[in-house]
Amino acid sequence: MSTASEVLFFGAVAWCLFWVLAATQSRWFALGVALLATVHWILAAGEVYTSTTAFPPPQLALLAPVLIALLITVALPKGRAWLRGLPLFALIAMHVLRIPVELVLHDAYEAGLVPQDMTYSGFNFDILSGITAVLMMVWMRSKRPPGRAVLIAWNLCCLVLLFIIVVTAVLSLPSSLQRINFDMPNVLVTTTPWVLLPALLVPAVLWAHVAALVQLFAGRR
């Protein structure tokens, strides 16, 4: 991987943490996120996520705890109330990080670390989410910001693109769950610092989508 990719990746991580703090206004929440990312970093450095035969695969630990926490948050009235109170602009701004991430993934493909399916030269068009997030930020600051229907549609479309790349990445992992891309598996995210992609960046953008949709469907613009 090139030095440029590392700069882009750590820029995406910094962008993520900044907007997590901006959205929650809680240093403790941001610290907790950073602490969780650090734990995954240590586990990846110890090659915990490189197992190809263990079942259940240890790689599930990268996403499963965050997904469970997010489901609990949405299920609880206080959790939904918290999500509805987050600033929508900050949640939209979070998705800009998807631009550098997609550039990193393409470089990783050229280095033989991820399959082509995980890049914009394959079936991953998630870079459009990042580009349109920039446009959406400008639109939201204009005199005639987008209405609820537009914001809901945008979040749902970007959520579908996220789902496609996550499923592709999981099924391409060299693990007991691998079903595709055996000729070039997804080995990138099992090593540092790239483990922060599934451990931090993907959960952050998923959380931003869910929070935005919760408040938009509740009637808040």
C-alpha atoms as a PDB file:
ATOM      1  CA  MET A   1       0.000   0.000   0.000  1.00  0.00           C
ATOM      2  CA  SER A   2       1.251   3.474  -0.888  1.00  0.00           C
ATOM      3  CA  THR A   3       2.010   6.296   1.518  1.00  0.00           C
ATOM      4  CA  ALA A   4      -0.759   8.311  -0.153  1.00  0.00           C
ATOM      5  CA  SER A   5      -3.264   5.596   0.792  1.00  0.00           C
ATOM      6  CA  GLU A   6      -2.134   5.706   4.410  1.00  0.00           C
ATOM      7  CA  VAL A   7      -2.538   9.494   4.478  1.00  0.00           C
ATOM      8  CA  LEU A   8      -6.012   9.211   2.954  1.00  0.00           C
ATOM      9  CA  PHE A   9      -6.997   6.482   5.368  1.00  0.00           C
ATOM     10  CA  PHE A  10      -5.879   8.296   8.507  1.00  0.00           C
ATOM     11  CA  GLY A  11      -7.546  11.416   7.136  1.00  0.00           C
ATOM     12  CA  ALA A  12     -10.799   9.431   6.935  1.00  0.00           C
ATOM     13  CA  VAL A  13     -10.310   8.222  10.511  1.00  0.00           C
ATOM     14  CA  ALA A  14      -9.720  11.779  11.735  1.00  0.00           C
ATOM     15  CA  TRP A  15     -12.788  12.996   9.814  1.00  0.00           C
ATOM     16  CA  CYS A  16     -14.842  10.229  11.399  1.00  0.00           C
ATOM     17  CA  LEU A  17     -13.798  11.037  14.967  1.00  0.00           C
ATOM     18  CA  PHE A  18     -14.315  14.772  14.410  1.00  0.00           C
ATOM     19  CA  TRP A  19     -17.906  14.366  13.233  1.00  0.00           C
ATOM     20  CA  VAL A  20     -18.686  11.760  15.887  1.00  0.00           C
ATOM     21  CA  LEU A  21     -17.686  14.383  18.454  1.00  0.00           C
ATOM     22  CA  ALA A  22     -19.579  17.120  16.580  1.00  0.00           C
ATOM     23  CA  ALA A  23     -22.720  14.995  16.381  1.00  0.00           C
ATOM     24  CA  THR A  24     -22.769  13.746  19.971  1.00  0.00           C
ATOM     25  CA  GLN A  25     -21.101  16.691  21.729  1.00  0.00           C
ATOM     26  CA  SER A  26     -19.700  14.048  24.050  1.00  0.00           C
ATOM     27  CA  ARG A  27     -16.007  13.549  24.563  1.00  0.00           C
ATOM     28  CA  TRP A  28     -16.765  10.358  26.471  1.00  0.00           C
ATOM     29  CA  PHE A  29     -18.648   8.882  23.519  1.00  0.00           C
ATOM     30  CA  ALA A  30     -15.851   9.801  21.109  1.00  0.00           C
ATOM     31  CA  LEU A  31     -13.308   8.400  23.586  1.00  0.00           C
ATOM     32  CA  GLY A  32     -15.293   5.170  23.808  1.00  0.00           C
ATOM     33  CA  VAL A  33     -15.310   4.880  20.020  1.00  0.00           C
ATOM     34  CA  ALA A  34     -11.564   5.496  19.882  1.00  0.00           C
ATOM     35  CA  LEU A  35     -11.007   2.944  22.676  1.00  0.00           C
ATOM     36  CA  LEU A  36     -12.993   0.282  20.831  1.00  0.00           C
ATOM     37  CA  ALA A  37     -10.985   0.967  17.681  1.00  0.00           C
ATOM     38  CA  THR A  38      -7.774   0.612  19.708  1.00  0.00           C
ATOM     39  CA  VAL A  39      -8.868  -2.797  21.015  1.00  0.00           C
ATOM     40  CA  HIS A  40      -9.488  -4.006  17.463  1.00  0.00           C
ATOM     41  CA  TRP A  41      -6.097  -2.594  16.419  1.00  0.00           C
ATOM     42  CA  ILE A  42      -4.370  -4.606  19.159  1.00  0.00           C
ATOM     43  CA  LEU A  43      -6.249  -7.774  18.210  1.00  0.00           C
ATOM     44  CA  ALA A  44      -5.380  -7.308  14.534  1.00  0.00           C
ATOM     45  CA  ALA A  45      -1.725  -6.736  15.429  1.00  0.00           C
ATOM     46  CA  GLY A  46      -1.852 -10.046  17.300  1.00  0.00           C
ATOM     47  CA  GLU A  47      -3.178 -11.709  14.125  1.00  0.00           C
ATOM     48  CA  VAL A  48      -6.455 -12.659  15.809  1.00  0.00           C
ATOM     49  CA  TYR A  49      -8.414 -11.813  12.659  1.00  0.00           C
ATOM     50  CA  THR A  50      -6.265 -13.851  10.270  1.00  0.00           C
ATOM     51  CA  SER A  51      -7.792 -17.226  11.184  1.00  0.00           C
ATOM     52  CA  THR A  52      -9.249 -18.922   8.110  1.00  0.00           C
ATOM     53  CA  THR A  53     -10.842 -21.994   9.725  1.00  0.00           C
ATOM     54  CA  ALA A  54     -12.247 -20.970  13.126  1.00  0.00           C
ATOM     55  CA  PHE A  55     -16.029 -21.052  13.541  1.00  0.00           C
ATOM     56  CA  PRO A  56     -17.573 -18.730  14.358  1.00  0.00           C
ATOM     57  CA  PRO A  57     -14.980 -16.641  12.530  1.00  0.00           C
ATOM     58  CA  PRO A  58     -13.246 -14.069  14.766  1.00  0.00           C
ATOM     59  CA  GLN A  59     -13.701 -11.455  12.027  1.00  0.00           C
ATOM     60  CA  LEU A  60     -17.369 -11.184  13.041  1.00  0.00           C
ATOM     61  CA  ALA A  61     -16.193  -9.365  16.171  1.00  0.00           C
ATOM     62  CA  LEU A  62     -15.344  -6.378  13.969  1.00  0.00           C
ATOM     63  CA  LEU A  63     -18.995  -5.583  13.277  1.00  0.00           C
ATOM     64  CA  ALA A  64     -21.232  -7.733  15.480  1.00  0.00           C
ATOM     65  CA  PRO A  65     -20.865  -5.804  18.810  1.00  0.00           C
ATOM     66  CA  VAL A  66     -21.589  -2.456  17.135  1.00  0.00           C
ATOM     67  CA  LEU A  67     -24.595  -3.863  15.264  1.00  0.00           C
ATOM     68  CA  ILE A  68     -26.029  -5.278  18.495  1.00  0.00           C
ATOM     69  CA  ALA A  69     -25.498  -1.964  20.306  1.00  0.00           C
ATOM     70  CA  LEU A  70     -27.157  -0.078  17.432  1.00  0.00           C
ATOM     71  CA  LEU A  71     -30.166  -2.417  17.435  1.00  0.00           C
ATOM     72  CA  ILE A  72     -30.577  -1.972  21.196  1.00  0.00           C
ATOM     73  CA  THR A  73     -30.342   1.806  20.816  1.00  0.00           C
ATOM     74  CA  VAL A  74     -33.073   1.858  18.162  1.00  0.00           C
ATOM     75  CA  ALA A  75     -35.264  -0.527  20.169  1.00  0.00           C
ATOM     76  CA  LEU A  76     -35.200   1.576  23.338  1.00  0.00           C
ATOM     77  CA  PRO A  77     -37.318   4.772  23.564  1.00  0.00           C
ATOM     78  CA  LYS A  78     -34.453   6.667  25.199  1.00  0.00           C
ATOM     79  CA  GLY A  79     -32.122   5.457  22.485  1.00  0.00           C
ATOM     80  CA  ARG A  80     -34.418   6.703  19.731  1.00  0.00           C
ATOM     81  CA  ALA A  81     -34.819  10.000  21.541  1.00  0.00           C
ATOM     82  CA  TRP A  82     -31.049  10.376  21.651  1.00  0.00           C
ATOM     83  CA  LEU A  83     -30.736   9.618  17.934  1.00  0.00           C
ATOM     84  CA  ARG A  84     -33.467  12.164  17.123  1.00  0.00           C
ATOM     85  CA  GLY A  85     -31.551  14.847  18.954  1.00  0.00           C
ATOM     86  CA  LEU A  86     -28.344  14.519  16.945  1.00  0.00           C
ATOM     87  CA  PRO A  87     -27.588  17.307  14.429  1.00  0.00           C
ATOM     88  CA  LEU A  88     -28.530  16.147  10.952  1.00  0.00           C
ATOM     89  CA  PHE A  89     -25.799  18.162   9.242  1.00  0.00           C
ATOM     90  CA  ALA A  90     -23.088  16.364  11.224  1.00  0.00           C
ATOM     91  CA  LEU A  91     -24.614  12.996  10.352  1.00  0.00           C
ATOM     92  CA  ILE A  92     -24.581  13.869   6.652  1.00  0.00           C
ATOM     93  CA  ALA A  93     -21.030  15.215   6.838  1.00  0.00           C
ATOM     94  CA  MET A  94     -19.828  11.880   8.235  1.00  0.00           C
ATOM     95  CA  HIS A  95     -20.295  10.225   4.844  1.00  0.00           C
ATOM     96  CA  VAL A  96     -17.644  12.325   3.091  1.00  0.00           C
ATOM     97  CA  LEU A  97     -15.086   9.879   4.482  1.00  0.00           C
ATOM     98  CA  ARG A  98     -16.353   7.342   1.961  1.00  0.00           C
ATOM     99  CA  ILE A  99     -14.432   9.146  -0.800  1.00  0.00           C
ATOM    100  CA  PRO A 100     -10.920   8.517   0.590  1.00  0.00           C
ATOM    101  CA  VAL A 101     -11.952   5.022   1.705  1.00  0.00           C
ATOM    102  CA  GLU A 102     -12.898   4.052  -1.840  1.00  0.00           C
ATOM    103  CA  LEU A 103      -9.605   5.420  -3.172  1.00  0.00           C
ATOM    104  CA  VAL A 104      -7.775   3.321  -0.578  1.00  0.00           C
ATOM    105  CA  LEU A 105      -9.730   0.211  -1.567  1.00  0.00           C
ATOM    106  CA  HIS A 106      -8.798   0.689  -5.207  1.00  0.00           C
ATOM    107  CA  ASP A 107      -5.126   0.974  -4.270  1.00  0.00           C
ATOM    108  CA  ALA A 108      -5.530  -2.163  -2.145  1.00  0.00           C
ATOM    109  CA  TYR A 109      -6.963  -4.007  -5.141  1.00  0.00           C
ATOM    110  CA  GLU A 110      -3.959  -3.041  -7.238  1.00  0.00           C
ATOM    111  CA  ALA A 111      -1.753  -4.357  -4.416  1.00  0.00           C
ATOM    112  CA  GLY A 112      -3.646  -7.672  -4.408  1.00  0.00           C
ATOM    113  CA  LEU A 113      -5.177  -7.188  -0.949  1.00  0.00           C
ATOM    114  CA  VAL A 114      -8.882  -6.984  -1.868  1.00  0.00           C
ATOM    115  CA  PRO A 115     -10.897  -8.345  -4.796  1.00  0.00           C
ATOM    116  CA  GLN A 116     -11.953  -6.091  -7.657  1.00  0.00           C
ATOM    117  CA  ASP A 117     -15.584  -6.521  -6.566  1.00  0.00           C
ATOM    118  CA  MET A 118     -14.812  -4.327  -3.533  1.00  0.00           C
ATOM    119  CA  THR A 119     -13.758  -1.354  -5.665  1.00  0.00           C
ATOM    120  CA  TYR A 120     -15.456   1.125  -7.971  1.00  0.00           C
ATOM    121  CA  SER A 121     -13.939  -0.762 -10.898  1.00  0.00           C
ATOM    122  CA  GLY A 122     -16.053  -3.731  -9.770  1.00  0.00           C
ATOM    123  CA  PHE A 123     -19.425  -3.645  -8.019  1.00  0.00           C
ATOM    124  CA  ASN A 124     -18.722  -1.091  -5.294  1.00  0.00           C
ATOM    125  CA  PHE A 125     -20.160   2.331  -6.092  1.00  0.00           C
ATOM    126  CA  ASP A 126     -20.075   3.608  -2.528  1.00  0.00           C
ATOM    127  CA  ILE A 127     -17.839   6.483  -3.611  1.00  0.00           C
ATOM    128  CA  LEU A 128     -21.045   8.077  -4.951  1.00  0.00           C
ATOM    129  CA  SER A 129     -22.274   8.286  -1.360  1.00  0.00           C
ATOM    130  CA  GLY A 130     -19.240  10.351  -0.394  1.00  0.00           C
ATOM    131  CA  ILE A 131     -19.456  12.633  -3.419  1.00  0.00           C
ATOM    132  CA  THR A 132     -23.171  13.269  -2.985  1.00  0.00           C
ATOM    133  CA  ALA A 133     -22.617  13.847   0.755  1.00  0.00           C
ATOM    134  CA  VAL A 134     -20.479  16.870  -0.153  1.00  0.00           C
ATOM    135  CA  LEU A 135     -23.251  18.161  -2.424  1.00  0.00           C
ATOM    136  CA  MET A 136     -25.845  17.477   0.267  1.00  0.00           C
ATOM    137  CA  MET A 137     -23.844  19.471   2.816  1.00  0.00           C
ATOM    138  CA  VAL A 138     -23.793  22.471   0.476  1.00  0.00           C
ATOM    139  CA  TRP A 139     -27.505  22.075  -0.245  1.00  0.00           C
ATOM    140  CA  MET A 140     -28.376  21.883   3.453  1.00  0.00           C
ATOM    141  CA  ARG A 141     -26.614  25.200   4.045  1.00  0.00           C
ATOM    142  CA  SER A 142     -28.429  26.907   1.162  1.00  0.00           C
ATOM    143  CA  LYS A 143     -31.514  29.112   1.378  1.00  0.00           C
ATOM    144  CA  ARG A 144     -33.686  26.241   0.149  1.00  0.00           C
ATOM    145  CA  PRO A 145     -32.411  23.068   1.863  1.00  0.00           C
ATOM    146  CA  PRO A 146     -33.661  19.629   0.789  1.00  0.00           C
ATOM    147  CA  GLY A 147     -36.946  18.364   2.181  1.00  0.00           C
ATOM    148  CA  ARG A 148     -37.502  15.244   4.250  1.00  0.00           C
ATOM    149  CA  ALA A 149     -38.372  13.089   1.237  1.00  0.00           C
ATOM    150  CA  VAL A 150     -35.090  13.937  -0.483  1.00  0.00           C
ATOM    151  CA  LEU A 151     -33.056  13.271   2.642  1.00  0.00           C
ATOM    152  CA  ILE A 152     -34.829   9.983   3.314  1.00  0.00           C
ATOM    153  CA  ALA A 153     -34.310   8.824  -0.269  1.00  0.00           C
ATOM    154  CA  TRP A 154     -30.631   9.804  -0.193  1.00  0.00           C
ATOM    155  CA  ASN A 155     -29.985   7.987   3.083  1.00  0.00           C
ATOM    156  CA  LEU A 156     -31.772   4.857   1.885  1.00  0.00           C
ATOM    157  CA  CYS A 157     -29.871   4.791  -1.426  1.00  0.00           C
ATOM    158  CA  CYS A 158     -26.532   5.247   0.329  1.00  0.00           C
ATOM    159  CA  LEU A 159     -27.505   2.577   2.854  1.00  0.00           C
ATOM    160  CA  VAL A 160     -28.067   0.115  -0.001  1.00  0.00           C
ATOM    161  CA  LEU A 161     -24.619   0.913  -1.422  1.00  0.00           C
ATOM    162  CA  LEU A 162     -23.105   0.371   2.027  1.00  0.00           C
ATOM    163  CA  PHE A 163     -24.923  -2.949   2.382  1.00  0.00           C
ATOM    164  CA  ILE A 164     -23.570  -4.158  -0.968  1.00  0.00           C
ATOM    165  CA  ILE A 165     -19.937  -3.471  -0.117  1.00  0.00           C
ATOM    166  CA  VAL A 166     -20.218  -4.850   3.433  1.00  0.00           C
ATOM    167  CA  VAL A 167     -21.759  -8.125   2.233  1.00  0.00           C
ATOM    168  CA  THR A 168     -19.134  -8.411  -0.509  1.00  0.00           C
ATOM    169  CA  ALA A 169     -16.337  -7.741   1.980  1.00  0.00           C
ATOM    170  CA  VAL A 170     -17.639 -10.282   4.514  1.00  0.00           C
ATOM    171  CA  LEU A 171     -18.141 -13.032   1.926  1.00  0.00           C
ATOM    172  CA  SER A 172     -14.643 -12.332   0.574  1.00  0.00           C
ATOM    173  CA  LEU A 173     -12.882 -12.646   3.932  1.00  0.00           C
ATOM    174  CA  PRO A 174     -10.492 -15.607   4.141  1.00  0.00           C
ATOM    175  CA  SER A 175     -12.580 -17.314   6.820  1.00  0.00           C
ATOM    176  CA  SER A 176     -15.083 -20.116   7.311  1.00  0.00           C
ATOM    177  CA  LEU A 177     -17.726 -17.758   5.907  1.00  0.00           C
ATOM    178  CA  GLN A 178     -15.949 -17.050   2.616  1.00  0.00           C
ATOM    179  CA  ARG A 179     -18.117 -17.752  -0.395  1.00  0.00           C
ATOM    180  CA  ILE A 180     -16.658 -15.588  -3.190  1.00  0.00           C
ATOM    181  CA  ASN A 181     -13.364 -14.215  -4.539  1.00  0.00           C
ATOM    182  CA  PHE A 182     -11.203 -17.170  -3.507  1.00  0.00           C
ATOM    183  CA  ASP A 183      -8.577 -16.121  -6.048  1.00  0.00           C
ATOM    184  CA  MET A 184      -8.113 -12.729  -4.360  1.00  0.00           C
ATOM    185  CA  PRO A 185      -9.669 -12.642  -0.875  1.00  0.00           C
ATOM    186  CA  ASN A 186     -10.199  -9.614   1.320  1.00  0.00           C
ATOM    187  CA  VAL A 187      -7.086  -9.786   3.505  1.00  0.00           C
ATOM    188  CA  LEU A 188      -6.680  -6.014   3.916  1.00  0.00           C
ATOM    189  CA  VAL A 189      -9.048  -5.524   6.848  1.00  0.00           C
ATOM    190  CA  THR A 190      -7.452  -8.232   8.975  1.00  0.00           C
ATOM    191  CA  THR A 191      -4.276  -6.177   9.410  1.00  0.00           C
ATOM    192  CA  THR A 192      -3.366  -2.806  10.914  1.00  0.00           C
ATOM    193  CA  PRO A 193      -4.143   0.002  10.314  1.00  0.00           C
ATOM    194  CA  TRP A 194      -6.791  -1.130   7.817  1.00  0.00           C
ATOM    195  CA  VAL A 195      -8.722  -3.031  10.472  1.00  0.00           C
ATOM    196  CA  LEU A 196     -10.169   0.363  11.420  1.00  0.00           C
ATOM    197  CA  LEU A 197     -12.243   0.232   8.227  1.00  0.00           C
ATOM    198  CA  PRO A 198     -14.685  -2.420   9.522  1.00  0.00           C
ATOM    199  CA  ALA A 199     -14.031  -1.639  13.183  1.00  0.00           C
ATOM    200  CA  LEU A 200     -14.594   2.136  13.060  1.00  0.00           C
ATOM    201  CA  LEU A 201     -15.475   3.683   9.704  1.00  0.00           C
ATOM    202  CA  VAL A 202     -18.202   1.286   8.560  1.00  0.00           C
ATOM    203  CA  PRO A 203     -20.005   1.321  11.943  1.00  0.00           C
ATOM    204  CA  ALA A 204     -19.779   5.131  12.010  1.00  0.00           C
ATOM    205  CA  VAL A 205     -21.428   5.633   8.628  1.00  0.00           C
ATOM    206  CA  LEU A 206     -24.052   2.996   9.452  1.00  0.00           C
ATOM    207  CA  TRP A 207     -24.801   4.767  12.734  1.00  0.00           C
ATOM    208  CA  ALA A 208     -25.065   8.095  10.899  1.00  0.00           C
ATOM    209  CA  HIS A 209     -27.579   6.653   8.434  1.00  0.00           C
ATOM    210  CA  VAL A 210     -29.681   5.022  11.137  1.00  0.00           C
ATOM    211  CA  ALA A 211     -29.710   8.163  13.293  1.00  0.00           C
ATOM    212  CA  ALA A 212     -30.681  10.334  10.330  1.00  0.00           C
ATOM    213  CA  LEU A 213     -33.483   8.002   9.244  1.00  0.00           C
ATOM    214  CA  VAL A 214     -34.849   7.696  12.784  1.00  0.00           C
ATOM    215  CA  GLN A 215     -35.289  11.443  13.052  1.00  0.00           C
ATOM    216  CA  LEU A 216     -36.456  11.914   9.470  1.00  0.00           C
ATOM    217  CA  PHE A 217     -39.148   9.246   9.749  1.00  0.00           C
ATOM    218  CA  ALA A 218     -40.137  10.790  13.074  1.00  0.00           C
ATOM    219  CA  GLY A 219     -40.909  14.002  11.213  1.00  0.00           C
ATOM    220  CA  ARG A 220     -37.814  16.020  12.012  1.00  0.00           C
ATOM    221  CA  ARG A 221     -36.075  17.784   9.148  1.00  0.00           C
END
